[in-house]
Amino acid sequence: GGAPHLLDVGREVWSAQLVDMQPNGVPIWELDELL
């Protein structure tokens, strides 16, 4: 019932790097910079 301590909603675009692949084939990426 109170005001938010922290509320963050919206859209973010980041640059990232592909660093590895999981054994099931899913890519693992690491975020670089908020664009």
PDB file of all heavy atoms in Angstrom:
ATOM      1  N   GLY A   1       0.787  -1.229   0.000  1.00  0.00           N
ATOM      2  CA  GLY A   1       0.000   0.000   0.000  1.00  0.00           C
ATOM      3  C   GLY A   1       0.815   1.273   0.000  1.00  0.00           C
ATOM      4  O   GLY A   1       0.245   2.365   0.050  1.00  0.00           O
ATOM      5  N   GLY A   2       2.145   1.161  -0.035  1.00  0.00           N
ATOM      6  CA  GLY A   2       2.977   2.358   0.019  1.00  0.00           C
ATOM      7  C   GLY A   2       3.604   2.709  -1.316  1.00  0.00           C
ATOM      8  O   GLY A   2       3.421   2.018  -2.314  1.00  0.00           O
ATOM      9  N   ALA A   3       4.330   3.801  -1.310  1.00  0.00           N
ATOM     10  CA  ALA A   3       5.031   4.243  -2.515  1.00  0.00           C
ATOM     11  C   ALA A   3       6.165   3.271  -2.826  1.00  0.00           C
ATOM     12  O   ALA A   3       6.686   2.602  -1.926  1.00  0.00           O
ATOM     13  CB  ALA A   3       5.591   5.643  -2.302  1.00  0.00           C
ATOM     14  N   PRO A   4       6.550   3.187  -4.077  1.00  0.00           N
ATOM     15  CA  PRO A   4       7.631   2.245  -4.415  1.00  0.00           C
ATOM     16  C   PRO A   4       8.976   2.706  -3.857  1.00  0.00           C
ATOM     17  O   PRO A   4       9.288   3.889  -3.871  1.00  0.00           O
ATOM     18  CB  PRO A   4       7.642   2.252  -5.947  1.00  0.00           C
ATOM     19  CG  PRO A   4       7.000   3.527  -6.343  1.00  0.00           C
ATOM     20  CD  PRO A   4       6.035   3.870  -5.250  1.00  0.00           C
ATOM     21  N   HIS A   5       9.727   1.738  -3.330  1.00  0.00           N
ATOM     22  CA  HIS A   5      11.112   2.015  -2.963  1.00  0.00           C
ATOM     23  C   HIS A   5      11.929   2.150  -4.243  1.00  0.00           C
ATOM     24  O   HIS A   5      12.799   2.998  -4.348  1.00  0.00           O
ATOM     25  CB  HIS A   5      11.698   0.894  -2.093  1.00  0.00           C
ATOM     26  CG  HIS A   5      11.062   0.778  -0.752  1.00  0.00           C
ATOM     27  ND1 HIS A   5      11.103   1.789   0.179  1.00  0.00           N
ATOM     28  CD2 HIS A   5      10.366  -0.237  -0.177  1.00  0.00           C
ATOM     29  CE1 HIS A   5      10.477   1.409   1.266  1.00  0.00           C
ATOM     30  NE2 HIS A   5      10.012   0.179   1.077  1.00  0.00           N
ATOM     31  N   LEU A   6      11.627   1.273  -5.206  1.00  0.00           N
ATOM     32  CA  LEU A   6      12.263   1.353  -6.523  1.00  0.00           C
ATOM     33  C   LEU A   6      11.346   0.690  -7.541  1.00  0.00           C
ATOM     34  O   LEU A   6      10.965  -0.463  -7.388  1.00  0.00           O
ATOM     35  CB  LEU A   6      13.635   0.664  -6.515  1.00  0.00           C
ATOM     36  CG  LEU A   6      14.407   0.686  -7.835  1.00  0.00           C
ATOM     37  CD1 LEU A   6      14.628   2.108  -8.338  1.00  0.00           C
ATOM     38  CD2 LEU A   6      15.740  -0.011  -7.693  1.00  0.00           C
ATOM     39  N   LEU A   7      10.981   1.471  -8.562  1.00  0.00           N
ATOM     40  CA  LEU A   7      10.159   0.981  -9.656  1.00  0.00           C
ATOM     41  C   LEU A   7      10.887   1.318 -10.949  1.00  0.00           C
ATOM     42  O   LEU A   7      11.278   2.468 -11.159  1.00  0.00           O
ATOM     43  CB  LEU A   7       8.779   1.642  -9.661  1.00  0.00           C
ATOM     44  CG  LEU A   7       7.901   1.336 -10.874  1.00  0.00           C
ATOM     45  CD1 LEU A   7       7.461  -0.122 -10.864  1.00  0.00           C
ATOM     46  CD2 LEU A   7       6.698   2.251 -10.920  1.00  0.00           C
ATOM     47  N   ASP A   8      11.102   0.313 -11.785  1.00  0.00           N
ATOM     48  CA  ASP A   8      11.770   0.523 -13.070  1.00  0.00           C
ATOM     49  C   ASP A   8      11.028  -0.306 -14.115  1.00  0.00           C
ATOM     50  O   ASP A   8      11.008  -1.530 -14.049  1.00  0.00           O
ATOM     51  CB  ASP A   8      13.244   0.108 -12.981  1.00  0.00           C
ATOM     52  CG  ASP A   8      14.054   0.558 -14.182  1.00  0.00           C
ATOM     53  OD1 ASP A   8      13.516   1.314 -15.021  1.00  0.00           O
ATOM     54  OD2 ASP A   8      15.225   0.153 -14.283  1.00  0.00           O
ATOM     55  N   VAL A   9      10.387   0.378 -15.058  1.00  0.00           N
ATOM     56  CA  VAL A   9       9.611  -0.286 -16.097  1.00  0.00           C
ATOM     57  C   VAL A   9       9.852   0.444 -17.415  1.00  0.00           C
ATOM     58  O   VAL A   9      10.020   1.661 -17.423  1.00  0.00           O
ATOM     59  CB  VAL A   9       8.104  -0.324 -15.735  1.00  0.00           C
ATOM     60  CG1 VAL A   9       7.528   1.060 -15.598  1.00  0.00           C
ATOM     61  CG2 VAL A   9       7.321  -1.130 -16.737  1.00  0.00           C
ATOM     62  N   GLY A  10       9.924  -0.293 -18.512  1.00  0.00           N
ATOM     63  CA  GLY A  10      10.128   0.360 -19.804  1.00  0.00           C
ATOM     64  C   GLY A  10      10.870  -0.512 -20.789  1.00  0.00           C
ATOM     65  O   GLY A  10      10.640  -1.714 -20.876  1.00  0.00           O
ATOM     66  N   ARG A  11      11.818   0.133 -21.491  1.00  0.00           N
ATOM     67  CA  ARG A  11      12.563  -0.547 -22.561  1.00  0.00           C
ATOM     68  C   ARG A  11      14.029  -0.138 -22.476  1.00  0.00           C
ATOM     69  O   ARG A  11      14.334   1.046 -22.319  1.00  0.00           O
ATOM     70  CB  ARG A  11      11.977  -0.129 -23.914  1.00  0.00           C
ATOM     71  CG  ARG A  11      12.637  -0.737 -25.114  1.00  0.00           C
ATOM     72  CD  ARG A  11      11.900  -0.272 -26.382  1.00  0.00           C
ATOM     73  NE  ARG A  11      12.413  -0.908 -27.566  1.00  0.00           N
ATOM     74  CZ  ARG A  11      13.352  -0.395 -28.349  1.00  0.00           C
ATOM     75  NH1 ARG A  11      13.886   0.781 -28.065  1.00  0.00           N
ATOM     76  NH2 ARG A  11      13.755  -1.049 -29.421  1.00  0.00           N
ATOM     77  N   GLU A  12      14.910  -1.124 -22.577  1.00  0.00           N
ATOM     78  CA  GLU A  12      16.354  -0.869 -22.598  1.00  0.00           C
ATOM     79  C   GLU A  12      16.976  -1.586 -23.788  1.00  0.00           C
ATOM     80  O   GLU A  12      16.591  -2.716 -24.104  1.00  0.00           O
ATOM     81  CB  GLU A  12      17.025  -1.383 -21.317  1.00  0.00           C
ATOM     82  CG  GLU A  12      16.629  -0.650 -20.063  1.00  0.00           C
ATOM     83  CD  GLU A  12      17.337  -1.170 -18.828  1.00  0.00           C
ATOM     84  OE1 GLU A  12      18.040  -2.197 -18.898  1.00  0.00           O
ATOM     85  OE2 GLU A  12      17.172  -0.551 -17.775  1.00  0.00           O
ATOM     86  N   VAL A  13      17.941  -0.916 -24.424  1.00  0.00           N
ATOM     87  CA  VAL A  13      18.688  -1.513 -25.534  1.00  0.00           C
ATOM     88  C   VAL A  13      20.159  -1.533 -25.130  1.00  0.00           C
ATOM     89  O   VAL A  13      20.721  -0.486 -24.773  1.00  0.00           O
ATOM     90  CB  VAL A  13      18.489  -0.726 -26.847  1.00  0.00           C
ATOM     91  CG1 VAL A  13      19.298  -1.362 -27.969  1.00  0.00           C
ATOM     92  CG2 VAL A  13      17.010  -0.657 -27.217  1.00  0.00           C
ATOM     93  N   TRP A  14      20.777  -2.701 -25.189  1.00  0.00           N
ATOM     94  CA  TRP A  14      22.161  -2.900 -24.770  1.00  0.00           C
ATOM     95  C   TRP A  14      22.988  -3.467 -25.923  1.00  0.00           C
ATOM     96  O   TRP A  14      22.489  -4.254 -26.722  1.00  0.00           O
ATOM     97  CB  TRP A  14      22.231  -3.910 -23.626  1.00  0.00           C
ATOM     98  CG  TRP A  14      21.703  -3.417 -22.317  1.00  0.00           C
ATOM     99  CD1 TRP A  14      20.399  -3.300 -21.941  1.00  0.00           C
ATOM    100  CD2 TRP A  14      22.477  -2.986 -21.200  1.00  0.00           C
ATOM    101  NE1 TRP A  14      20.305  -2.832 -20.662  1.00  0.00           N
ATOM    102  CE2 TRP A  14      21.577  -2.629 -20.177  1.00  0.00           C
ATOM    103  CE3 TRP A  14      23.846  -2.883 -20.966  1.00  0.00           C
ATOM    104  CZ2 TRP A  14      21.994  -2.168 -18.944  1.00  0.00           C
ATOM    105  CZ3 TRP A  14      24.266  -2.430 -19.726  1.00  0.00           C
ATOM    106  CH2 TRP A  14      23.347  -2.071 -18.736  1.00  0.00           C
ATOM    107  N   SER A  15      24.275  -3.110 -25.938  1.00  0.00           N
ATOM    108  CA  SER A  15      25.216  -3.855 -26.776  1.00  0.00           C
ATOM    109  C   SER A  15      25.691  -5.037 -25.934  1.00  0.00           C
ATOM    110  O   SER A  15      25.715  -4.969 -24.704  1.00  0.00           O
ATOM    111  CB  SER A  15      26.389  -2.973 -27.209  1.00  0.00           C
ATOM    112  OG  SER A  15      27.138  -2.553 -26.081  1.00  0.00           O
ATOM    113  N   ALA A  16      26.044  -6.128 -26.591  1.00  0.00           N
ATOM    114  CA  ALA A  16      26.446  -7.336 -25.871  1.00  0.00           C
ATOM    115  C   ALA A  16      27.436  -8.122 -26.710  1.00  0.00           C
ATOM    116  O   ALA A  16      27.654  -7.824 -27.890  1.00  0.00           O
ATOM    117  CB  ALA A  16      25.213  -8.189 -25.548  1.00  0.00           C
ATOM    118  N   GLN A  17      28.038  -9.126 -26.089  1.00  0.00           N
ATOM    119  CA  GLN A  17      28.967 -10.028 -26.772  1.00  0.00           C
ATOM    120  C   GLN A  17      28.555 -11.466 -26.505  1.00  0.00           C
ATOM    121  O   GLN A  17      28.208 -11.821 -25.368  1.00  0.00           O
ATOM    122  CB  GLN A  17      30.402  -9.836 -26.260  1.00  0.00           C
ATOM    123  CG  GLN A  17      31.044  -8.537 -26.676  1.00  0.00           C
ATOM    124  CD  GLN A  17      31.259  -8.468 -28.175  1.00  0.00           C
ATOM    125  OE1 GLN A  17      31.646  -9.440 -28.804  1.00  0.00           O
ATOM    126  NE2 GLN A  17      31.010  -7.310 -28.755  1.00  0.00           N
ATOM    127  N   LEU A  18      28.585 -12.277 -27.533  1.00  0.00           N
ATOM    128  CA  LEU A  18      28.360 -13.710 -27.390  1.00  0.00           C
ATOM    129  C   LEU A  18      29.633 -14.299 -26.789  1.00  0.00           C
ATOM    130  O   LEU A  18      30.707 -14.181 -27.368  1.00  0.00           O
ATOM    131  CB  LEU A  18      28.067 -14.333 -28.757  1.00  0.00           C
ATOM    132  CG  LEU A  18      27.798 -15.823 -28.806  1.00  0.00           C
ATOM    133  CD1 LEU A  18      26.538 -16.166 -28.041  1.00  0.00           C
ATOM    134  CD2 LEU A  18      27.678 -16.280 -30.253  1.00  0.00           C
ATOM    135  N   VAL A  19      29.532 -14.904 -25.588  1.00  0.00           N
ATOM    136  CA  VAL A  19      30.734 -15.400 -24.917  1.00  0.00           C
ATOM    137  C   VAL A  19      30.839 -16.923 -24.905  1.00  0.00           C
ATOM    138  O   VAL A  19      31.926 -17.463 -24.767  1.00  0.00           O
ATOM    139  CB  VAL A  19      30.845 -14.851 -23.467  1.00  0.00           C
ATOM    140  CG1 VAL A  19      31.064 -13.358 -23.481  1.00  0.00           C
ATOM    141  CG2 VAL A  19      29.626 -15.203 -22.637  1.00  0.00           C
ATOM    142  N   ASP A  20      29.706 -17.618 -25.063  1.00  0.00           N
ATOM    143  CA  ASP A  20      29.753 -19.081 -25.024  1.00  0.00           C
ATOM    144  C   ASP A  20      28.391 -19.622 -25.451  1.00  0.00           C
ATOM    145  O   ASP A  20      27.457 -18.864 -25.677  1.00  0.00           O
ATOM    146  CB  ASP A  20      30.090 -19.550 -23.599  1.00  0.00           C
ATOM    147  CG  ASP A  20      30.714 -20.938 -23.559  1.00  0.00           C
ATOM    148  OD1 ASP A  20      30.785 -21.602 -24.617  1.00  0.00           O
ATOM    149  OD2 ASP A  20      31.129 -21.367 -22.469  1.00  0.00           O
ATOM    150  N   MET A  21      28.316 -20.955 -25.534  1.00  0.00           N
ATOM    151  CA  MET A  21      27.053 -21.628 -25.824  1.00  0.00           C
ATOM    152  C   MET A  21      26.818 -22.665 -24.730  1.00  0.00           C
ATOM    153  O   MET A  21      27.745 -23.368 -24.327  1.00  0.00           O
ATOM    154  CB  MET A  21      27.108 -22.330 -27.182  1.00  0.00           C
ATOM    155  CG  MET A  21      27.297 -21.401 -28.363  1.00  0.00           C
ATOM    156  SD  MET A  21      25.888 -20.378 -28.730  1.00  0.00           S
ATOM    157  CE  MET A  21      24.922 -21.492 -29.718  1.00  0.00           C
ATOM    158  N   GLN A  22      25.598 -22.754 -24.236  1.00  0.00           N
ATOM    159  CA  GLN A  22      25.252 -23.788 -23.279  1.00  0.00           C
ATOM    160  C   GLN A  22      25.253 -25.143 -23.996  1.00  0.00           C
ATOM    161  O   GLN A  22      25.124 -25.195 -25.222  1.00  0.00           O
ATOM    162  CB  GLN A  22      23.864 -23.525 -22.689  1.00  0.00           C
ATOM    163  CG  GLN A  22      23.774 -22.290 -21.839  1.00  0.00           C
ATOM    164  CD  GLN A  22      22.379 -22.131 -21.248  1.00  0.00           C
ATOM    165  OE1 GLN A  22      21.704 -23.100 -20.923  1.00  0.00           O
ATOM    166  NE2 GLN A  22      21.946 -20.886 -21.115  1.00  0.00           N
ATOM    167  N   PRO A  23      25.391 -26.238 -23.266  1.00  0.00           N
ATOM    168  CA  PRO A  23      25.361 -27.559 -23.905  1.00  0.00           C
ATOM    169  C   PRO A  23      24.073 -27.806 -24.707  1.00  0.00           C
ATOM    170  O   PRO A  23      24.086 -28.537 -25.692  1.00  0.00           O
ATOM    171  CB  PRO A  23      25.463 -28.536 -22.728  1.00  0.00           C
ATOM    172  CG  PRO A  23      26.149 -27.761 -21.650  1.00  0.00           C
ATOM    173  CD  PRO A  23      25.700 -26.331 -21.840  1.00  0.00           C
ATOM    174  N   ASN A  24      22.958 -27.154 -24.314  1.00  0.00           N
ATOM    175  CA  ASN A  24      21.699 -27.348 -25.040  1.00  0.00           C
ATOM    176  C   ASN A  24      21.594 -26.464 -26.291  1.00  0.00           C
ATOM    177  O   ASN A  24      20.587 -26.490 -26.985  1.00  0.00           O
ATOM    178  CB  ASN A  24      20.500 -27.120 -24.117  1.00  0.00           C
ATOM    179  CG  ASN A  24      20.426 -25.687 -23.590  1.00  0.00           C
ATOM    180  OD1 ASN A  24      21.226 -24.826 -23.927  1.00  0.00           O
ATOM    181  ND2 ASN A  24      19.448 -25.445 -22.737  1.00  0.00           N
ATOM    182  N   GLY A  25      22.630 -25.654 -26.564  1.00  0.00           N
ATOM    183  CA  GLY A  25      22.644 -24.821 -27.765  1.00  0.00           C
ATOM    184  C   GLY A  25      22.194 -23.393 -27.558  1.00  0.00           C
ATOM    185  O   GLY A  25      22.179 -22.600 -28.503  1.00  0.00           O
ATOM    186  N   VAL A  26      21.824 -23.014 -26.340  1.00  0.00           N
ATOM    187  CA  VAL A  26      21.389 -21.647 -26.069  1.00  0.00           C
ATOM    188  C   VAL A  26      22.619 -20.755 -25.892  1.00  0.00           C
ATOM    189  O   VAL A  26      23.529 -21.083 -25.130  1.00  0.00           O
ATOM    190  CB  VAL A  26      20.504 -21.593 -24.804  1.00  0.00           C
ATOM    191  CG1 VAL A  26      20.184 -20.158 -24.429  1.00  0.00           C
ATOM    192  CG2 VAL A  26      19.225 -22.390 -25.029  1.00  0.00           C
ATOM    193  N   PRO A  27      22.667 -19.604 -26.600  1.00  0.00           N
ATOM    194  CA  PRO A  27      23.812 -18.701 -26.478  1.00  0.00           C
ATOM    195  C   PRO A  27      23.909 -18.078 -25.077  1.00  0.00           C
ATOM    196  O   PRO A  27      22.897 -17.881 -24.402  1.00  0.00           O
ATOM    197  CB  PRO A  27      23.529 -17.606 -27.511  1.00  0.00           C
ATOM    198  CG  PRO A  27      22.544 -18.207 -28.453  1.00  0.00           C
ATOM    199  CD  PRO A  27      21.731 -19.165 -27.638  1.00  0.00           C
ATOM    200  N   ILE A  28      25.132 -17.793 -24.678  1.00  0.00           N
ATOM    201  CA  ILE A  28      25.397 -17.054 -23.440  1.00  0.00           C
ATOM    202  C   ILE A  28      26.015 -15.731 -23.860  1.00  0.00           C
ATOM    203  O   ILE A  28      27.054 -15.713 -24.525  1.00  0.00           O
ATOM    204  CB  ILE A  28      26.360 -17.812 -22.509  1.00  0.00           C
ATOM    205  CG1 ILE A  28      25.745 -19.158 -22.113  1.00  0.00           C
ATOM    206  CG2 ILE A  28      26.693 -16.977 -21.276  1.00  0.00           C
ATOM    207  CD1 ILE A  28      26.705 -20.067 -21.360  1.00  0.00           C
ATOM    208  N   TRP A  29      25.350 -14.625 -23.499  1.00  0.00           N
ATOM    209  CA  TRP A  29      25.892 -13.328 -23.857  1.00  0.00           C
ATOM    210  C   TRP A  29      26.144 -12.507 -22.605  1.00  0.00           C
ATOM    211  O   TRP A  29      25.597 -12.766 -21.545  1.00  0.00           O
ATOM    212  CB  TRP A  29      25.000 -12.557 -24.826  1.00  0.00           C
ATOM    213  CG  TRP A  29      23.517 -12.706 -24.679  1.00  0.00           C
ATOM    214  CD1 TRP A  29      22.707 -13.504 -25.417  1.00  0.00           C
ATOM    215  CD2 TRP A  29      22.649 -12.041 -23.749  1.00  0.00           C
ATOM    216  NE1 TRP A  29      21.396 -13.374 -25.011  1.00  0.00           N
ATOM    217  CE2 TRP A  29      21.334 -12.474 -23.992  1.00  0.00           C
ATOM    218  CE3 TRP A  29      22.853 -11.122 -22.733  1.00  0.00           C
ATOM    219  CZ2 TRP A  29      20.242 -12.018 -23.269  1.00  0.00           C
ATOM    220  CZ3 TRP A  29      21.764 -10.664 -22.004  1.00  0.00           C
ATOM    221  CH2 TRP A  29      20.487 -11.116 -22.290  1.00  0.00           C
ATOM    222  N   GLU A  30      27.008 -11.522 -22.769  1.00  0.00           N
ATOM    223  CA  GLU A  30      27.357 -10.632 -21.670  1.00  0.00           C
ATOM    224  C   GLU A  30      27.065  -9.209 -22.120  1.00  0.00           C
ATOM    225  O   GLU A  30      27.495  -8.797 -23.207  1.00  0.00           O
ATOM    226  CB  GLU A  30      28.846 -10.808 -21.345  1.00  0.00           C
ATOM    227  CG  GLU A  30      29.298 -10.088 -20.111  1.00  0.00           C
ATOM    228  CD  GLU A  30      30.743 -10.455 -19.789  1.00  0.00           C
ATOM    229  OE1 GLU A  30      30.973 -11.562 -19.280  1.00  0.00           O
ATOM    230  OE2 GLU A  30      31.622  -9.626 -20.086  1.00  0.00           O
ATOM    231  N   LEU A  31      26.342  -8.462 -21.309  1.00  0.00           N
ATOM    232  CA  LEU A  31      25.995  -7.090 -21.654  1.00  0.00           C
ATOM    233  C   LEU A  31      27.226  -6.191 -21.563  1.00  0.00           C
ATOM    234  O   LEU A  31      28.021  -6.314 -20.635  1.00  0.00           O
ATOM    235  CB  LEU A  31      24.899  -6.568 -20.729  1.00  0.00           C
ATOM    236  CG  LEU A  31      23.558  -7.313 -20.783  1.00  0.00           C
ATOM    237  CD1 LEU A  31      22.590  -6.754 -19.749  1.00  0.00           C
ATOM    238  CD2 LEU A  31      22.963  -7.246 -22.171  1.00  0.00           C
ATOM    239  N   ASP A  32      27.351  -5.276 -22.540  1.00  0.00           N
ATOM    240  CA  ASP A  32      28.478  -4.339 -22.568  1.00  0.00           C
ATOM    241  C   ASP A  32      28.072  -2.949 -22.109  1.00  0.00           C
ATOM    242  O   ASP A  32      28.583  -2.442 -21.129  1.00  0.00           O
ATOM    243  CB  ASP A  32      29.043  -4.211 -23.996  1.00  0.00           C
ATOM    244  CG  ASP A  32      29.809  -5.431 -24.446  1.00  0.00           C
ATOM    245  OD1 ASP A  32      30.341  -6.146 -23.598  1.00  0.00           O
ATOM    246  OD2 ASP A  32      29.849  -5.666 -25.660  1.00  0.00           O
ATOM    247  N   GLU A  33      27.157  -2.332 -22.854  1.00  0.00           N
ATOM    248  CA  GLU A  33      26.854  -0.923 -22.637  1.00  0.00           C
ATOM    249  C   GLU A  33      25.371  -0.660 -22.896  1.00  0.00           C
ATOM    250  O   GLU A  33      24.803  -1.153 -23.871  1.00  0.00           O
ATOM    251  CB  GLU A  33      27.703  -0.087 -23.598  1.00  0.00           C
ATOM    252  CG  GLU A  33      27.478   1.393 -23.518  1.00  0.00           C
ATOM    253  CD  GLU A  33      28.286   2.158 -24.559  1.00  0.00           C
ATOM    254  OE1 GLU A  33      29.091   1.554 -25.283  1.00  0.00           O
ATOM    255  OE2 GLU A  33      28.080   3.373 -24.635  1.00  0.00           O
ATOM    256  N   LEU A  34      24.767   0.153 -22.029  1.00  0.00           N
ATOM    257  CA  LEU A  34      23.389   0.573 -22.222  1.00  0.00           C
ATOM    258  C   LEU A  34      23.360   1.624 -23.322  1.00  0.00           C
ATOM    259  O   LEU A  34      23.982   2.685 -23.199  1.00  0.00           O
ATOM    260  CB  LEU A  34      22.814   1.147 -20.924  1.00  0.00           C
ATOM    261  CG  LEU A  34      21.382   1.655 -20.971  1.00  0.00           C
ATOM    262  CD1 LEU A  34      20.405   0.532 -21.307  1.00  0.00           C
ATOM    263  CD2 LEU A  34      21.006   2.313 -19.644  1.00  0.00           C
ATOM    264  N   LEU A  35      22.661   1.323 -24.425  1.00  0.00           N
ATOM    265  CA  LEU A  35      22.614   2.229 -25.572  1.00  0.00           C
ATOM    266  C   LEU A  35      21.445   3.201 -25.491  1.00  0.00           C
ATOM    267  O   LEU A  35      21.570   4.359 -25.895  1.00  0.00           O
ATOM    268  CB  LEU A  35      22.538   1.428 -26.875  1.00  0.00           C
ATOM    269  CG  LEU A  35      23.672   0.431 -27.110  1.00  0.00           C
ATOM    270  CD1 LEU A  35      23.412  -0.375 -28.374  1.00  0.00           C
ATOM    271  CD2 LEU A  35      25.005   1.152 -27.191  1.00  0.00           C
TER     272      LEU A  35
END
